Amino acid sequence: MKLEHRKNPLASRHTFLLRLMKYFGASFLLIGLSLLIGTVGYHVSANLGWVDSFFNASMILTGMGPASPMPCDGAKLFSSFYALFSGVAFLSAVSVLMAPVVHRFFHALHVDMED
């Protein structure tokens, strides 16, 4: 879906909701892929079970911090790089999710100024 130009009228509520769902899907996909990378990485590098790996990946991705101690240097390195990646991935997902809302807000302000 293409965003409307500033000279175009504000998109209908239906179009906006469809756009919001599309961007939510993209954001959800980014978070899901990030969780998958972290879960598999913790399972392989730290020899954690699948549930513990998912829990650790979730805690790192949301910025809460690690839940399990890392047993070896390889696991510590993975955890460090995953934490750096997670910060960028989480902020990117939030930005993608907020993009249509912010666009609509600024577009509505622009439309109001021209009237």
PDB file of N, CA and C in Angstrom:
ATOM      1  N   MET A   1       0.825  -1.178   0.000  1.00  0.00           N
ATOM      2  CA  MET A   1       0.000   0.000   0.000  1.00  0.00           C
ATOM      3  C   MET A   1       0.872   1.245   0.000  1.00  0.00           C
ATOM      4  N   LYS A   2       0.557   2.113  -0.878  1.00  0.00           N
ATOM      5  CA  LYS A   2       1.320   3.348  -1.002  1.00  0.00           C
ATOM      6  C   LYS A   2       0.718   4.413  -0.083  1.00  0.00           C
ATOM      7  N   LEU A   3       1.575   5.176   0.564  1.00  0.00           N
ATOM      8  CA  LEU A   3       1.103   6.257   1.422  1.00  0.00           C
ATOM      9  C   LEU A   3       0.644   7.421   0.567  1.00  0.00           C
ATOM     10  N   GLU A   4      -0.375   8.130   1.039  1.00  0.00           N
ATOM     11  CA  GLU A   4      -0.889   9.258   0.268  1.00  0.00           C
ATOM     12  C   GLU A   4       0.074  10.447   0.357  1.00  0.00           C
ATOM     13  N   HIS A   5       0.123  11.172  -0.721  1.00  0.00           N
ATOM     14  CA  HIS A   5       0.960  12.370  -0.808  1.00  0.00           C
ATOM     15  C   HIS A   5       0.323  13.478   0.019  1.00  0.00           C
ATOM     16  N   ARG A   6       1.118  14.447   0.408  1.00  0.00           N
ATOM     17  CA  ARG A   6       0.601  15.531   1.257  1.00  0.00           C
ATOM     18  C   ARG A   6      -0.499  16.335   0.589  1.00  0.00           C
ATOM     19  N   LYS A   7      -0.539  16.350  -0.732  1.00  0.00           N
ATOM     20  CA  LYS A   7      -1.589  17.094  -1.440  1.00  0.00           C
ATOM     21  C   LYS A   7      -2.863  16.282  -1.608  1.00  0.00           C
ATOM     22  N   ASN A   8      -2.799  15.003  -1.343  1.00  0.00           N
ATOM     23  CA  ASN A   8      -3.979  14.131  -1.438  1.00  0.00           C
ATOM     24  C   ASN A   8      -4.787  14.224  -0.154  1.00  0.00           C
ATOM     25  N   PRO A   9      -6.086  13.909  -0.247  1.00  0.00           N
ATOM     26  CA  PRO A   9      -6.893  13.906   0.981  1.00  0.00           C
ATOM     27  C   PRO A   9      -6.469  12.776   1.917  1.00  0.00           C
ATOM     28  N   LEU A  10      -6.862  12.904   3.163  1.00  0.00           N
ATOM     29  CA  LEU A  10      -6.564  11.901   4.175  1.00  0.00           C
ATOM     30  C   LEU A  10      -7.197  10.567   3.773  1.00  0.00           C
ATOM     31  N   ALA A  11      -6.475   9.499   3.944  1.00  0.00           N
ATOM     32  CA  ALA A  11      -6.979   8.168   3.588  1.00  0.00           C
ATOM     33  C   ALA A  11      -8.182   7.819   4.457  1.00  0.00           C
ATOM     34  N   SER A  12      -9.056   6.997   3.916  1.00  0.00           N
ATOM     35  CA  SER A  12     -10.239   6.583   4.668  1.00  0.00           C
ATOM     36  C   SER A  12      -9.826   5.753   5.879  1.00  0.00           C
ATOM     37  N   ARG A  13     -10.743   5.612   6.815  1.00  0.00           N
ATOM     38  CA  ARG A  13     -10.468   4.827   8.014  1.00  0.00           C
ATOM     39  C   ARG A  13     -10.178   3.373   7.641  1.00  0.00           C
ATOM     40  N   HIS A  14     -10.909   2.844   6.668  1.00  0.00           N
ATOM     41  CA  HIS A  14     -10.706   1.462   6.215  1.00  0.00           C
ATOM     42  C   HIS A  14      -9.299   1.285   5.638  1.00  0.00           C
ATOM     43  N   THR A  15      -8.872   2.199   4.803  1.00  0.00           N
ATOM     44  CA  THR A  15      -7.529   2.142   4.215  1.00  0.00           C
ATOM     45  C   THR A  15      -6.466   2.248   5.300  1.00  0.00           C
ATOM     46  N   PHE A  16      -6.704   3.137   6.255  1.00  0.00           N
ATOM     47  CA  PHE A  16      -5.750   3.292   7.357  1.00  0.00           C
ATOM     48  C   PHE A  16      -5.650   2.013   8.183  1.00  0.00           C
ATOM     49  N   LEU A  17      -6.772   1.388   8.491  1.00  0.00           N
ATOM     50  CA  LEU A  17      -6.746   0.156   9.282  1.00  0.00           C
ATOM     51  C   LEU A  17      -6.055  -0.977   8.529  1.00  0.00           C
ATOM     52  N   LEU A  18      -6.278  -1.067   7.220  1.00  0.00           N
ATOM     53  CA  LEU A  18      -5.573  -2.070   6.417  1.00  0.00           C
ATOM     54  C   LEU A  18      -4.066  -1.815   6.432  1.00  0.00           C
ATOM     55  N   ARG A  19      -3.686  -0.567   6.302  1.00  0.00           N
ATOM     56  CA  ARG A  19      -2.274  -0.200   6.339  1.00  0.00           C
ATOM     57  C   ARG A  19      -1.677  -0.528   7.706  1.00  0.00           C
ATOM     58  N   LEU A  20      -2.413  -0.229   8.757  1.00  0.00           N
ATOM     59  CA  LEU A  20      -1.953  -0.515  10.112  1.00  0.00           C
ATOM     60  C   LEU A  20      -1.759  -2.016  10.313  1.00  0.00           C
ATOM     61  N   MET A  21      -2.672  -2.825   9.799  1.00  0.00           N
ATOM     62  CA  MET A  21      -2.541  -4.278   9.906  1.00  0.00           C
ATOM     63  C   MET A  21      -1.328  -4.783   9.125  1.00  0.00           C
ATOM     64  N   LYS A  22      -1.082  -4.196   7.958  1.00  0.00           N
ATOM     65  CA  LYS A  22       0.073  -4.587   7.150  1.00  0.00           C
ATOM     66  C   LYS A  22       1.377  -4.269   7.887  1.00  0.00           C
ATOM     67  N   TYR A  23       1.470  -3.092   8.455  1.00  0.00           N
ATOM     68  CA  TYR A  23       2.674  -2.706   9.183  1.00  0.00           C
ATOM     69  C   TYR A  23       2.824  -3.503  10.481  1.00  0.00           C
ATOM     70  N   PHE A  24       1.693  -3.830  11.124  1.00  0.00           N
ATOM     71  CA  PHE A  24       1.743  -4.679  12.303  1.00  0.00           C
ATOM     72  C   PHE A  24       2.292  -6.055  11.932  1.00  0.00           C
ATOM     73  N   GLY A  25       1.859  -6.579  10.791  1.00  0.00           N
ATOM     74  CA  GLY A  25       2.362  -7.870  10.326  1.00  0.00           C
ATOM     75  C   GLY A  25       3.859  -7.840  10.080  1.00  0.00           C
ATOM     76  N   ALA A  26       4.339  -6.762   9.467  1.00  0.00           N
ATOM     77  CA  ALA A  26       5.781  -6.633   9.218  1.00  0.00           C
ATOM     78  C   ALA A  26       6.553  -6.548  10.534  1.00  0.00           C
ATOM     79  N   SER A  27       6.014  -5.800  11.477  1.00  0.00           N
ATOM     80  CA  SER A  27       6.654  -5.670  12.788  1.00  0.00           C
ATOM     81  C   SER A  27       6.654  -7.005  13.523  1.00  0.00           C
ATOM     82  N   PHE A  28       5.536  -7.711  13.476  1.00  0.00           N
ATOM     83  CA  PHE A  28       5.421  -9.022  14.118  1.00  0.00           C
ATOM     84  C   PHE A  28       6.396 -10.016  13.489  1.00  0.00           C
ATOM     85  N   LEU A  29       6.553  -9.956  12.173  1.00  0.00           N
ATOM     86  CA  LEU A  29       7.490 -10.836  11.474  1.00  0.00           C
ATOM     87  C   LEU A  29       8.929 -10.553  11.911  1.00  0.00           C
ATOM     88  N   LEU A  30       9.284  -9.290  12.035  1.00  0.00           N
ATOM     89  CA  LEU A  30      10.631  -8.915  12.473  1.00  0.00           C
ATOM     90  C   LEU A  30      10.903  -9.412  13.895  1.00  0.00           C
ATOM     91  N   ILE A  31       9.941  -9.241  14.781  1.00  0.00           N
ATOM     92  CA  ILE A  31      10.109  -9.725  16.156  1.00  0.00           C
ATOM     93  C   ILE A  31      10.176 -11.251  16.175  1.00  0.00           C
ATOM     94  N   GLY A  32       9.331 -11.898  15.391  1.00  0.00           N
ATOM     95  CA  GLY A  32       9.332 -13.357  15.339  1.00  0.00           C
ATOM     96  C   GLY A  32      10.647 -13.922  14.828  1.00  0.00           C
ATOM     97  N   LEU A  33      11.181 -13.331  13.760  1.00  0.00           N
ATOM     98  CA  LEU A  33      12.471 -13.784  13.235  1.00  0.00           C
ATOM     99  C   LEU A  33      13.597 -13.537  14.238  1.00  0.00           C
ATOM    100  N   SER A  34      13.523 -12.424  14.936  1.00  0.00           N
ATOM    101  CA  SER A  34      14.533 -12.130  15.950  1.00  0.00           C
ATOM    102  C   SER A  34      14.468 -13.139  17.093  1.00  0.00           C
ATOM    103  N   LEU A  35      13.263 -13.487  17.503  1.00  0.00           N
ATOM    104  CA  LEU A  35      13.114 -14.509  18.546  1.00  0.00           C
ATOM    105  C   LEU A  35      13.614 -15.867  18.073  1.00  0.00           C
ATOM    106  N   LEU A  36      13.356 -16.192  16.816  1.00  0.00           N
ATOM    107  CA  LEU A  36      13.825 -17.463  16.264  1.00  0.00           C
ATOM    108  C   LEU A  36      15.349 -17.521  16.252  1.00  0.00           C
ATOM    109  N   ILE A  37      15.981 -16.443  15.814  1.00  0.00           N
ATOM    110  CA  ILE A  37      17.448 -16.384  15.798  1.00  0.00           C
ATOM    111  C   ILE A  37      17.993 -16.565  17.214  1.00  0.00           C
ATOM    112  N   GLY A  38      17.415 -15.839  18.168  1.00  0.00           N
ATOM    113  CA  GLY A  38      17.887 -15.934  19.548  1.00  0.00           C
ATOM    114  C   GLY A  38      17.650 -17.293  20.165  1.00  0.00           C
ATOM    115  N   THR A  39      16.483 -17.871  19.918  1.00  0.00           N
ATOM    116  CA  THR A  39      16.165 -19.179  20.487  1.00  0.00           C
ATOM    117  C   THR A  39      17.114 -20.249  19.970  1.00  0.00           C
ATOM    118  N   VAL A  40      17.303 -20.280  18.657  1.00  0.00           N
ATOM    119  CA  VAL A  40      18.221 -21.269  18.075  1.00  0.00           C
ATOM    120  C   VAL A  40      19.650 -21.005  18.537  1.00  0.00           C
ATOM    121  N   GLY A  41      20.043 -19.744  18.585  1.00  0.00           N
ATOM    122  CA  GLY A  41      21.395 -19.395  19.011  1.00  0.00           C
ATOM    123  C   GLY A  41      21.685 -19.813  20.440  1.00  0.00           C
ATOM    124  N   TYR A  42      20.756 -19.548  21.345  1.00  0.00           N
ATOM    125  CA  TYR A  42      20.961 -19.958  22.733  1.00  0.00           C
ATOM    126  C   TYR A  42      20.924 -21.476  22.880  1.00  0.00           C
ATOM    127  N   HIS A  43      20.080 -22.123  22.108  1.00  0.00           N
ATOM    128  CA  HIS A  43      20.006 -23.581  22.172  1.00  0.00           C
ATOM    129  C   HIS A  43      21.326 -24.216  21.722  1.00  0.00           C
ATOM    130  N   VAL A  44      21.902 -23.672  20.663  1.00  0.00           N
ATOM    131  CA  VAL A  44      23.140 -24.238  20.112  1.00  0.00           C
ATOM    132  C   VAL A  44      24.362 -23.800  20.916  1.00  0.00           C
ATOM    133  N   SER A  45      24.466 -22.512  21.219  1.00  0.00           N
ATOM    134  CA  SER A  45      25.696 -22.014  21.831  1.00  0.00           C
ATOM    135  C   SER A  45      25.774 -22.273  23.339  1.00  0.00           C
ATOM    136  N   ALA A  46      24.636 -22.228  24.028  1.00  0.00           N
ATOM    137  CA  ALA A  46      24.658 -22.380  25.491  1.00  0.00           C
ATOM    138  C   ALA A  46      24.105 -23.723  25.958  1.00  0.00           C
ATOM    139  N   ASN A  47      23.719 -24.563  25.018  1.00  0.00           N
ATOM    140  CA  ASN A  47      23.142 -25.876  25.342  1.00  0.00           C
ATOM    141  C   ASN A  47      21.945 -25.765  26.286  1.00  0.00           C
ATOM    142  N   LEU A  48      21.127 -24.735  26.094  1.00  0.00           N
ATOM    143  CA  LEU A  48      19.914 -24.576  26.889  1.00  0.00           C
ATOM    144  C   LEU A  48      18.786 -25.349  26.215  1.00  0.00           C
ATOM    145  N   GLY A  49      17.784 -25.734  26.966  1.00  0.00           N
ATOM    146  CA  GLY A  49      16.589 -26.348  26.392  1.00  0.00           C
ATOM    147  C   GLY A  49      15.820 -25.317  25.569  1.00  0.00           C
ATOM    148  N   TRP A  50      14.864 -25.806  24.805  1.00  0.00           N
ATOM    149  CA  TRP A  50      14.131 -24.895  23.909  1.00  0.00           C
ATOM    150  C   TRP A  50      13.356 -23.829  24.680  1.00  0.00           C
ATOM    151  N   VAL A  51      12.728 -24.212  25.767  1.00  0.00           N
ATOM    152  CA  VAL A  51      11.947 -23.238  26.541  1.00  0.00           C
ATOM    153  C   VAL A  51      12.874 -22.209  27.188  1.00  0.00           C
ATOM    154  N   ASP A  52      13.970 -22.670  27.762  1.00  0.00           N
ATOM    155  CA  ASP A  52      14.931 -21.738  28.362  1.00  0.00           C
ATOM    156  C   ASP A  52      15.568 -20.841  27.307  1.00  0.00           C
ATOM    157  N   SER A  53      15.819 -21.388  26.128  1.00  0.00           N
ATOM    158  CA  SER A  53      16.381 -20.588  25.036  1.00  0.00           C
ATOM    159  C   SER A  53      15.395 -19.510  24.603  1.00  0.00           C
ATOM    160  N   PHE A  54      14.134 -19.887  24.457  1.00  0.00           N
ATOM    161  CA  PHE A  54      13.100 -18.915  24.083  1.00  0.00           C
ATOM    162  C   PHE A  54      12.957 -17.845  25.161  1.00  0.00           C
ATOM    163  N   PHE A  55      12.974 -18.262  26.414  1.00  0.00           N
ATOM    164  CA  PHE A  55      12.864 -17.321  27.530  1.00  0.00           C
ATOM    165  C   PHE A  55      14.028 -16.339  27.528  1.00  0.00           C
ATOM    166  N   ASN A  56      15.235 -16.832  27.347  1.00  0.00           N
ATOM    167  CA  ASN A  56      16.422 -15.971  27.308  1.00  0.00           C
ATOM    168  C   ASN A  56      16.343 -14.995  26.133  1.00  0.00           C
ATOM    169  N   ALA A  57      15.966 -15.510  24.964  1.00  0.00           N
ATOM    170  CA  ALA A  57      15.858 -14.649  23.778  1.00  0.00           C
ATOM    171  C   ALA A  57      14.802 -13.570  23.992  1.00  0.00           C
ATOM    172  N   SER A  58      13.686 -13.934  24.591  1.00  0.00           N
ATOM    173  CA  SER A  58      12.624 -12.963  24.856  1.00  0.00           C
ATOM    174  C   SER A  58      13.086 -11.891  25.832  1.00  0.00           C
ATOM    175  N   MET A  59      13.785 -12.303  26.861  1.00  0.00           N
ATOM    176  CA  MET A  59      14.250 -11.351  27.861  1.00  0.00           C
ATOM    177  C   MET A  59      15.279 -10.385  27.266  1.00  0.00           C
ATOM    178  N   ILE A  60      16.163 -10.881  26.442  1.00  0.00           N
ATOM    179  CA  ILE A  60      17.160 -10.010  25.805  1.00  0.00           C
ATOM    180  C   ILE A  60      16.478  -9.080  24.800  1.00  0.00           C
ATOM    181  N   LEU A  61      15.566  -9.622  24.004  1.00  0.00           N
ATOM    182  CA  LEU A  61      14.911  -8.832  22.954  1.00  0.00           C
ATOM    183  C   LEU A  61      14.116  -7.673  23.530  1.00  0.00           C
ATOM    184  N   THR A  62      13.517  -7.854  24.672  1.00  0.00           N
ATOM    185  CA  THR A  62      12.720  -6.776  25.269  1.00  0.00           C
ATOM    186  C   THR A  62      13.533  -5.868  26.182  1.00  0.00           C
ATOM    187  N   GLY A  63      14.821  -6.154  26.321  1.00  0.00           N
ATOM    188  CA  GLY A  63      15.686  -5.289  27.109  1.00  0.00           C
ATOM    189  C   GLY A  63      15.717  -5.606  28.586  1.00  0.00           C
ATOM    190  N   MET A  64      15.170  -6.729  28.991  1.00  0.00           N
ATOM    191  CA  MET A  64      15.140  -7.089  30.414  1.00  0.00           C
ATOM    192  C   MET A  64      16.467  -7.652  30.900  1.00  0.00           C
ATOM    193  N   GLY A  65      17.244  -8.223  30.015  1.00  0.00           N
ATOM    194  CA  GLY A  65      18.528  -8.787  30.399  1.00  0.00           C
ATOM    195  C   GLY A  65      18.514 -10.298  30.360  1.00  0.00           C
ATOM    196  N   PRO A  66      19.684 -10.892  30.452  1.00  0.00           N
ATOM    197  CA  PRO A  66      19.765 -12.355  30.354  1.00  0.00           C
ATOM    198  C   PRO A  66      19.129 -13.028  31.575  1.00  0.00           C
ATOM    199  N   ALA A  67      18.593 -14.217  31.341  1.00  0.00           N
ATOM    200  CA  ALA A  67      17.943 -14.965  32.415  1.00  0.00           C
ATOM    201  C   ALA A  67      18.808 -16.118  32.910  1.00  0.00           C
ATOM    202  N   SER A  68      19.660 -16.637  32.047  1.00  0.00           N
ATOM    203  CA  SER A  68      20.501 -17.784  32.405  1.00  0.00           C
ATOM    204  C   SER A  68      21.968 -17.397  32.265  1.00  0.00           C
ATOM    205  N   PRO A  69      22.806 -17.895  33.154  1.00  0.00           N
ATOM    206  CA  PRO A  69      24.242 -17.630  32.989  1.00  0.00           C
ATOM    207  C   PRO A  69      24.771 -18.380  31.761  1.00  0.00           C
ATOM    208  N   MET A  70      25.700 -17.760  31.076  1.00  0.00           N
ATOM    209  CA  MET A  70      26.283 -18.375  29.886  1.00  0.00           C
ATOM    210  C   MET A  70      27.476 -19.233  30.297  1.00  0.00           C
ATOM    211  N   PRO A  71      27.476 -20.508  29.907  1.00  0.00           N
ATOM    212  CA  PRO A  71      28.478 -21.446  30.409  1.00  0.00           C
ATOM    213  C   PRO A  71      29.852 -21.358  29.760  1.00  0.00           C
ATOM    214  N   CYS A  72      29.937 -20.798  28.563  1.00  0.00           N
ATOM    215  CA  CYS A  72      31.232 -20.783  27.870  1.00  0.00           C
ATOM    216  C   CYS A  72      31.411 -19.460  27.130  1.00  0.00           C
ATOM    217  N   ASP A  73      32.607 -19.251  26.617  1.00  0.00           N
ATOM    218  CA  ASP A  73      32.911 -18.000  25.914  1.00  0.00           C
ATOM    219  C   ASP A  73      32.085 -17.844  24.639  1.00  0.00           C
ATOM    220  N   GLY A  74      31.861 -18.937  23.926  1.00  0.00           N
ATOM    221  CA  GLY A  74      31.051 -18.872  22.704  1.00  0.00           C
ATOM    222  C   GLY A  74      29.634 -18.403  22.995  1.00  0.00           C
ATOM    223  N   ALA A  75      29.047 -18.907  24.068  1.00  0.00           N
ATOM    224  CA  ALA A  75      27.697 -18.496  24.452  1.00  0.00           C
ATOM    225  C   ALA A  75      27.678 -17.037  24.884  1.00  0.00           C
ATOM    226  N   LYS A  76      28.733 -16.601  25.557  1.00  0.00           N
ATOM    227  CA  LYS A  76      28.813 -15.205  25.985  1.00  0.00           C
ATOM    228  C   LYS A  76      28.946 -14.270  24.786  1.00  0.00           C
ATOM    229  N   LEU A  77      29.730 -14.694  23.803  1.00  0.00           N
ATOM    230  CA  LEU A  77      29.858 -13.883  22.588  1.00  0.00           C
ATOM    231  C   LEU A  77      28.529 -13.819  21.838  1.00  0.00           C
ATOM    232  N   PHE A  78      27.869 -14.969  21.686  1.00  0.00           N
ATOM    233  CA  PHE A  78      26.564 -14.955  21.023  1.00  0.00           C
ATOM    234  C   PHE A  78      25.601 -14.045  21.767  1.00  0.00           C
ATOM    235  N   SER A  79      25.567 -14.165  23.086  1.00  0.00           N
ATOM    236  CA  SER A  79      24.663 -13.356  23.889  1.00  0.00           C
ATOM    237  C   SER A  79      24.947 -11.865  23.717  1.00  0.00           C
ATOM    238  N   SER A  80      26.218 -11.510  23.641  1.00  0.00           N
ATOM    239  CA  SER A  80      26.595 -10.102  23.457  1.00  0.00           C
ATOM    240  C   SER A  80      26.122  -9.573  22.101  1.00  0.00           C
ATOM    241  N   PHE A  81      26.403 -10.326  21.041  1.00  0.00           N
ATOM    242  CA  PHE A  81      26.005  -9.879  19.706  1.00  0.00           C
ATOM    243  C   PHE A  81      24.493  -9.909  19.534  1.00  0.00           C
ATOM    244  N   TYR A  82      23.832 -10.883  20.147  1.00  0.00           N
ATOM    245  CA  TYR A  82      22.380 -10.937  20.068  1.00  0.00           C
ATOM    246  C   TYR A  82      21.755  -9.751  20.807  1.00  0.00           C
ATOM    247  N   ALA A  83      22.349  -9.341  21.913  1.00  0.00           N
ATOM    248  CA  ALA A  83      21.836  -8.176  22.636  1.00  0.00           C
ATOM    249  C   ALA A  83      21.961  -6.906  21.791  1.00  0.00           C
ATOM    250  N   LEU A  84      23.085  -6.750  21.102  1.00  0.00           N
ATOM    251  CA  LEU A  84      23.253  -5.589  20.217  1.00  0.00           C
ATOM    252  C   LEU A  84      22.245  -5.627  19.073  1.00  0.00           C
ATOM    253  N   PHE A  85      22.100  -6.800  18.469  1.00  0.00           N
ATOM    254  CA  PHE A  85      21.132  -6.970  17.386  1.00  0.00           C
ATOM    255  C   PHE A  85      19.717  -6.712  17.889  1.00  0.00           C
ATOM    256  N   SER A  86      19.398  -7.199  19.082  1.00  0.00           N
ATOM    257  CA  SER A  86      18.040  -7.083  19.611  1.00  0.00           C
ATOM    258  C   SER A  86      17.637  -5.631  19.849  1.00  0.00           C
ATOM    259  N   GLY A  87      18.572  -4.824  20.305  1.00  0.00           N
ATOM    260  CA  GLY A  87      18.262  -3.413  20.510  1.00  0.00           C
ATOM    261  C   GLY A  87      17.823  -2.745  19.220  1.00  0.00           C
ATOM    262  N   VAL A  88      18.537  -3.016  18.163  1.00  0.00           N
ATOM    263  CA  VAL A  88      18.206  -2.434  16.858  1.00  0.00           C
ATOM    264  C   VAL A  88      16.907  -3.038  16.321  1.00  0.00           C
ATOM    265  N   ALA A  89      16.753  -4.346  16.450  1.00  0.00           N
ATOM    266  CA  ALA A  89      15.564  -5.025  15.928  1.00  0.00           C
ATOM    267  C   ALA A  89      14.302  -4.554  16.644  1.00  0.00           C
ATOM    268  N   PHE A  90      14.359  -4.422  17.962  1.00  0.00           N
ATOM    269  CA  PHE A  90      13.178  -4.002  18.711  1.00  0.00           C
ATOM    270  C   PHE A  90      12.794  -2.567  18.368  1.00  0.00           C
ATOM    271  N   LEU A  91      13.762  -1.679  18.309  1.00  0.00           N
ATOM    272  CA  LEU A  91      13.463  -0.291  17.947  1.00  0.00           C
ATOM    273  C   LEU A  91      12.946  -0.187  16.514  1.00  0.00           C
ATOM    274  N   SER A  92      13.488  -1.001  15.624  1.00  0.00           N
ATOM    275  CA  SER A  92      13.010  -1.016  14.238  1.00  0.00           C
ATOM    276  C   SER A  92      11.568  -1.503  14.161  1.00  0.00           C
ATOM    277  N   ALA A  93      11.250  -2.537  14.925  1.00  0.00           N
ATOM    278  CA  ALA A  93       9.888  -3.065  14.920  1.00  0.00           C
ATOM    279  C   ALA A  93       8.897  -2.030  15.453  1.00  0.00           C
ATOM    280  N   VAL A  94       9.271  -1.330  16.498  1.00  0.00           N
ATOM    281  CA  VAL A  94       8.406  -0.292  17.043  1.00  0.00           C
ATOM    282  C   VAL A  94       8.246   0.850  16.033  1.00  0.00           C
ATOM    283  N   SER A  95       9.315   1.203  15.351  1.00  0.00           N
ATOM    284  CA  SER A  95       9.249   2.261  14.339  1.00  0.00           C
ATOM    285  C   SER A  95       8.335   1.870  13.190  1.00  0.00           C
ATOM    286  N   VAL A  96       8.451   0.635  12.735  1.00  0.00           N
ATOM    287  CA  VAL A  96       7.584   0.162  11.650  1.00  0.00           C
ATOM    288  C   VAL A  96       6.134   0.177  12.104  1.00  0.00           C
ATOM    289  N   LEU A  97       5.881  -0.239  13.326  1.00  0.00           N
ATOM    290  CA  LEU A  97       4.522  -0.271  13.848  1.00  0.00           C
ATOM    291  C   LEU A  97       3.933   1.133  13.974  1.00  0.00           C
ATOM    292  N   MET A  98       4.750   2.091  14.356  1.00  0.00           N
ATOM    293  CA  MET A  98       4.261   3.457  14.564  1.00  0.00           C
ATOM    294  C   MET A  98       4.194   4.298  13.289  1.00  0.00           C
ATOM    295  N   ALA A  99       4.849   3.865  12.227  1.00  0.00           N
ATOM    296  CA  ALA A  99       4.942   4.662  11.002  1.00  0.00           C
ATOM    297  C   ALA A  99       3.583   5.093  10.452  1.00  0.00           C
ATOM    298  N   PRO A 100       2.598   4.200  10.281  1.00  0.00           N
ATOM    299  CA  PRO A 100       1.327   4.676   9.721  1.00  0.00           C
ATOM    300  C   PRO A 100       0.584   5.631  10.654  1.00  0.00           C
ATOM    301  N   VAL A 101       0.720   5.452  11.955  1.00  0.00           N
ATOM    302  CA  VAL A 101       0.044   6.338  12.906  1.00  0.00           C
ATOM    303  C   VAL A 101       0.653   7.734  12.838  1.00  0.00           C
ATOM    304  N   VAL A 102       1.965   7.796  12.842  1.00  0.00           N
ATOM    305  CA  VAL A 102       2.651   9.090  12.778  1.00  0.00           C
ATOM    306  C   VAL A 102       2.383   9.766  11.431  1.00  0.00           C
ATOM    307  N   HIS A 103       2.405   8.988  10.354  1.00  0.00           N
ATOM    308  CA  HIS A 103       2.119   9.555   9.027  1.00  0.00           C
ATOM    309  C   HIS A 103       0.716  10.142   8.978  1.00  0.00           C
ATOM    310  N   ARG A 104      -0.248   9.420   9.496  1.00  0.00           N
ATOM    311  CA  ARG A 104      -1.629   9.914   9.481  1.00  0.00           C
ATOM    312  C   ARG A 104      -1.768  11.173  10.327  1.00  0.00           C
ATOM    313  N   PHE A 105      -1.107  11.189  11.483  1.00  0.00           N
ATOM    314  CA  PHE A 105      -1.160  12.366  12.351  1.00  0.00           C
ATOM    315  C   PHE A 105      -0.617  13.598  11.631  1.00  0.00           C
ATOM    316  N   PHE A 106       0.579  13.470  11.040  1.00  0.00           N
ATOM    317  CA  PHE A 106       1.166  14.621  10.349  1.00  0.00           C
ATOM    318  C   PHE A 106       0.390  14.978   9.087  1.00  0.00           C
ATOM    319  N   HIS A 107      -0.146  13.982   8.418  1.00  0.00           N
ATOM    320  CA  HIS A 107      -0.948  14.270   7.225  1.00  0.00           C
ATOM    321  C   HIS A 107      -2.221  15.016   7.614  1.00  0.00           C
ATOM    322  N   ALA A 108      -2.858  14.631   8.709  1.00  0.00           N
ATOM    323  CA  ALA A 108      -4.058  15.327   9.185  1.00  0.00           C
ATOM    324  C   ALA A 108      -3.730  16.760   9.578  1.00  0.00           C
ATOM    325  N   LEU A 109      -2.593  16.983  10.204  1.00  0.00           N
ATOM    326  CA  LEU A 109      -2.199  18.353  10.547  1.00  0.00           C
ATOM    327  C   LEU A 109      -1.978  19.183   9.291  1.00  0.00           C
ATOM    328  N   HIS A 110      -1.364  18.571   8.290  1.00  0.00           N
ATOM    329  CA  HIS A 110      -1.101  19.295   7.040  1.00  0.00           C
ATOM    330  C   HIS A 110      -2.404  19.617   6.329  1.00  0.00           C
ATOM    331  N   VAL A 111      -3.327  18.687   6.315  1.00  0.00           N
ATOM    332  CA  VAL A 111      -4.613  18.911   5.662  1.00  0.00           C
ATOM    333  C   VAL A 111      -5.370  20.010   6.381  1.00  0.00           C
ATOM    334  N   ASP A 112      -5.355  20.029   7.715  1.00  0.00           N
ATOM    335  CA  ASP A 112      -6.041  21.050   8.479  1.00  0.00           C
ATOM    336  C   ASP A 112      -5.453  22.433   8.225  1.00  0.00           C
ATOM    337  N   MET A 113      -4.135  22.507   8.027  1.00  0.00           N
ATOM    338  CA  MET A 113      -3.493  23.795   7.808  1.00  0.00           C
ATOM    339  C   MET A 113      -3.893  24.392   6.474  1.00  0.00           C
ATOM    340  N   GLU A 114      -4.169  23.570   5.479  1.00  0.00           N
ATOM    341  CA  GLU A 114      -4.507  24.086   4.155  1.00  0.00           C
ATOM    342  C   GLU A 114      -5.947  24.528   4.064  1.00  0.00           C
ATOM    343  N   ASP A 115      -6.822  24.017   4.933  1.00  0.00           N
ATOM    344  CA  ASP A 115      -8.253  24.369   4.867  1.00  0.00           C
ATOM    345  C   ASP A 115      -8.535  25.758   5.341  1.00  0.00           C
TER     346      ASP A 115
END
